Amino acid sequence: IDHLVHTLVERVVPYYALKQQRQDLNFEGPDIEIKKRIDIHKRAEKYHKDQIEHVEDARYLVASQSQPSRKYDVDVDAYSCNCLDFP
């Protein structure tokens, strides 16, 4: 366990601290989560109302763009979706 703590403190934490500093100074682009969210927002604009079915309260069934017969369960309140691309 000492080796694990040493590795985390001496290598992992400094690596991510430096990575965050580079992102803060705009030397690197947005992190993976932000990139994924930007991609999701761009794809969301391609949907039409007829591809979204209101199920109940904040739950919807949304047709897949690549396989229209497949529908994904989206819960707006729980911020969840059962599609593979959801972060």
C-alpha atoms as a PDB file:
ATOM      1  CA  ILE A   1       0.000   0.000   0.000  1.00  0.00           C
ATOM      2  CA  ASP A   2       2.973   2.324   0.620  1.00  0.00           C
ATOM      3  CA  HIS A   3       3.987   1.940  -3.016  1.00  0.00           C
ATOM      4  CA  LEU A   4       0.470   2.846  -4.158  1.00  0.00           C
ATOM      5  CA  VAL A   5       0.359   5.968  -1.983  1.00  0.00           C
ATOM      6  CA  HIS A   6       3.830   6.960  -3.183  1.00  0.00           C
ATOM      7  CA  THR A   7       2.817   6.515  -6.831  1.00  0.00           C
ATOM      8  CA  LEU A   8      -0.363   8.550  -6.358  1.00  0.00           C
ATOM      9  CA  VAL A   9       1.367  11.385  -4.515  1.00  0.00           C
ATOM     10  CA  GLU A  10       4.566  11.542  -6.545  1.00  0.00           C
ATOM     11  CA  ARG A  11       3.329  10.771 -10.057  1.00  0.00           C
ATOM     12  CA  VAL A  12      -0.429  10.764 -10.564  1.00  0.00           C
ATOM     13  CA  VAL A  13      -1.413  13.907  -8.655  1.00  0.00           C
ATOM     14  CA  PRO A  14       1.351  16.077 -10.201  1.00  0.00           C
ATOM     15  CA  TYR A  15       0.448  14.788 -13.686  1.00  0.00           C
ATOM     16  CA  TYR A  16      -3.208  15.795 -13.345  1.00  0.00           C
ATOM     17  CA  ALA A  17      -2.356  19.069 -11.614  1.00  0.00           C
ATOM     18  CA  LEU A  18      -0.112  20.045 -14.532  1.00  0.00           C
ATOM     19  CA  LYS A  19      -2.740  18.885 -17.034  1.00  0.00           C
ATOM     20  CA  GLN A  20      -5.341  21.091 -15.319  1.00  0.00           C
ATOM     21  CA  GLN A  21      -2.954  24.068 -15.377  1.00  0.00           C
ATOM     22  CA  ARG A  22      -2.398  23.593 -19.119  1.00  0.00           C
ATOM     23  CA  GLN A  23      -6.154  23.507 -19.678  1.00  0.00           C
ATOM     24  CA  ASP A  24      -6.669  26.596 -17.497  1.00  0.00           C
ATOM     25  CA  LEU A  25      -4.099  28.503 -19.577  1.00  0.00           C
ATOM     26  CA  ASN A  26      -5.687  27.304 -22.856  1.00  0.00           C
ATOM     27  CA  PHE A  27      -2.597  25.340 -23.889  1.00  0.00           C
ATOM     28  CA  GLU A  28      -4.818  22.277 -24.172  1.00  0.00           C
ATOM     29  CA  GLY A  29      -8.398  22.011 -25.297  1.00  0.00           C
ATOM     30  CA  PRO A  30     -11.373  21.172 -23.128  1.00  0.00           C
ATOM     31  CA  ASP A  31     -11.343  17.953 -21.164  1.00  0.00           C
ATOM     32  CA  ILE A  32     -13.044  14.817 -22.429  1.00  0.00           C
ATOM     33  CA  GLU A  33     -16.313  15.489 -20.599  1.00  0.00           C
ATOM     34  CA  ILE A  34     -16.635  18.975 -22.098  1.00  0.00           C
ATOM     35  CA  LYS A  35     -15.792  17.669 -25.591  1.00  0.00           C
ATOM     36  CA  LYS A  36     -18.451  14.974 -25.202  1.00  0.00           C
ATOM     37  CA  ARG A  37     -21.080  17.481 -24.018  1.00  0.00           C
ATOM     38  CA  ILE A  38     -20.334  19.792 -26.971  1.00  0.00           C
ATOM     39  CA  ASP A  39     -20.735  16.832 -29.327  1.00  0.00           C
ATOM     40  CA  ILE A  40     -24.042  15.849 -27.689  1.00  0.00           C
ATOM     41  CA  HIS A  41     -25.420  19.390 -28.027  1.00  0.00           C
ATOM     42  CA  LYS A  42     -24.470  19.496 -31.723  1.00  0.00           C
ATOM     43  CA  ARG A  43     -26.187  16.165 -32.384  1.00  0.00           C
ATOM     44  CA  ALA A  44     -29.253  17.160 -30.339  1.00  0.00           C
ATOM     45  CA  GLU A  45     -29.934  20.005 -32.779  1.00  0.00           C
ATOM     46  CA  LYS A  46     -30.481  17.428 -35.552  1.00  0.00           C
ATOM     47  CA  TYR A  47     -33.502  15.842 -33.858  1.00  0.00           C
ATOM     48  CA  HIS A  48     -37.074  16.608 -34.917  1.00  0.00           C
ATOM     49  CA  LYS A  49     -40.133  16.630 -32.654  1.00  0.00           C
ATOM     50  CA  ASP A  50     -41.494  13.496 -34.314  1.00  0.00           C
ATOM     51  CA  GLN A  51     -38.409  11.564 -33.128  1.00  0.00           C
ATOM     52  CA  ILE A  52     -39.157  12.306 -29.460  1.00  0.00           C
ATOM     53  CA  GLU A  53     -42.000  10.626 -27.582  1.00  0.00           C
ATOM     54  CA  HIS A  54     -43.078  11.903 -24.159  1.00  0.00           C
ATOM     55  CA  VAL A  55     -43.592   8.944 -21.805  1.00  0.00           C
ATOM     56  CA  GLU A  56     -44.298  10.494 -18.393  1.00  0.00           C
ATOM     57  CA  ASP A  57     -43.202  13.504 -16.352  1.00  0.00           C
ATOM     58  CA  ALA A  58     -39.582  14.059 -17.393  1.00  0.00           C
ATOM     59  CA  ARG A  59     -39.120  10.762 -19.289  1.00  0.00           C
ATOM     60  CA  TYR A  60     -38.891  10.544 -23.068  1.00  0.00           C
ATOM     61  CA  LEU A  61     -38.180   7.945 -25.721  1.00  0.00           C
ATOM     62  CA  VAL A  62     -35.834   9.312 -28.353  1.00  0.00           C
ATOM     63  CA  ALA A  63     -35.193   7.595 -31.687  1.00  0.00           C
ATOM     64  CA  SER A  64     -31.601   6.807 -32.574  1.00  0.00           C
ATOM     65  CA  GLN A  65     -30.131   8.869 -35.422  1.00  0.00           C
ATOM     66  CA  SER A  66     -28.298   5.865 -36.889  1.00  0.00           C
ATOM     67  CA  GLN A  67     -31.036   3.255 -36.218  1.00  0.00           C
ATOM     68  CA  PRO A  68     -34.437   5.022 -36.200  1.00  0.00           C
ATOM     69  CA  SER A  69     -36.252   1.866 -35.032  1.00  0.00           C
ATOM     70  CA  ARG A  70     -34.173   1.883 -31.826  1.00  0.00           C
ATOM     71  CA  LYS A  71     -35.326   4.190 -29.030  1.00  0.00           C
ATOM     72  CA  TYR A  72     -33.442   5.428 -25.986  1.00  0.00           C
ATOM     73  CA  ASP A  73     -34.924   6.169 -22.579  1.00  0.00           C
ATOM     74  CA  VAL A  74     -34.085   9.728 -21.495  1.00  0.00           C
ATOM     75  CA  ASP A  75     -34.893  11.054 -18.033  1.00  0.00           C
ATOM     76  CA  VAL A  76     -34.415  14.819 -17.877  1.00  0.00           C
ATOM     77  CA  ASP A  77     -34.800  15.041 -14.086  1.00  0.00           C
ATOM     78  CA  ALA A  78     -32.329  12.227 -13.382  1.00  0.00           C
ATOM     79  CA  TYR A  79     -30.056  13.458 -16.194  1.00  0.00           C
ATOM     80  CA  SER A  80     -29.765   9.952 -17.604  1.00  0.00           C
ATOM     81  CA  CYS A  81     -29.958   8.167 -20.921  1.00  0.00           C
ATOM     82  CA  ASN A  82     -29.384   4.509 -21.766  1.00  0.00           C
ATOM     83  CA  CYS A  83     -27.550   5.257 -25.023  1.00  0.00           C
ATOM     84  CA  LEU A  84     -23.850   4.439 -25.382  1.00  0.00           C
ATOM     85  CA  ASP A  85     -22.823   8.032 -26.107  1.00  0.00           C
ATOM     86  CA  PHE A  86     -24.224   9.505 -22.917  1.00  0.00           C
ATOM     87  CA  PRO A  87     -21.457  10.613 -20.552  1.00  0.00           C
END
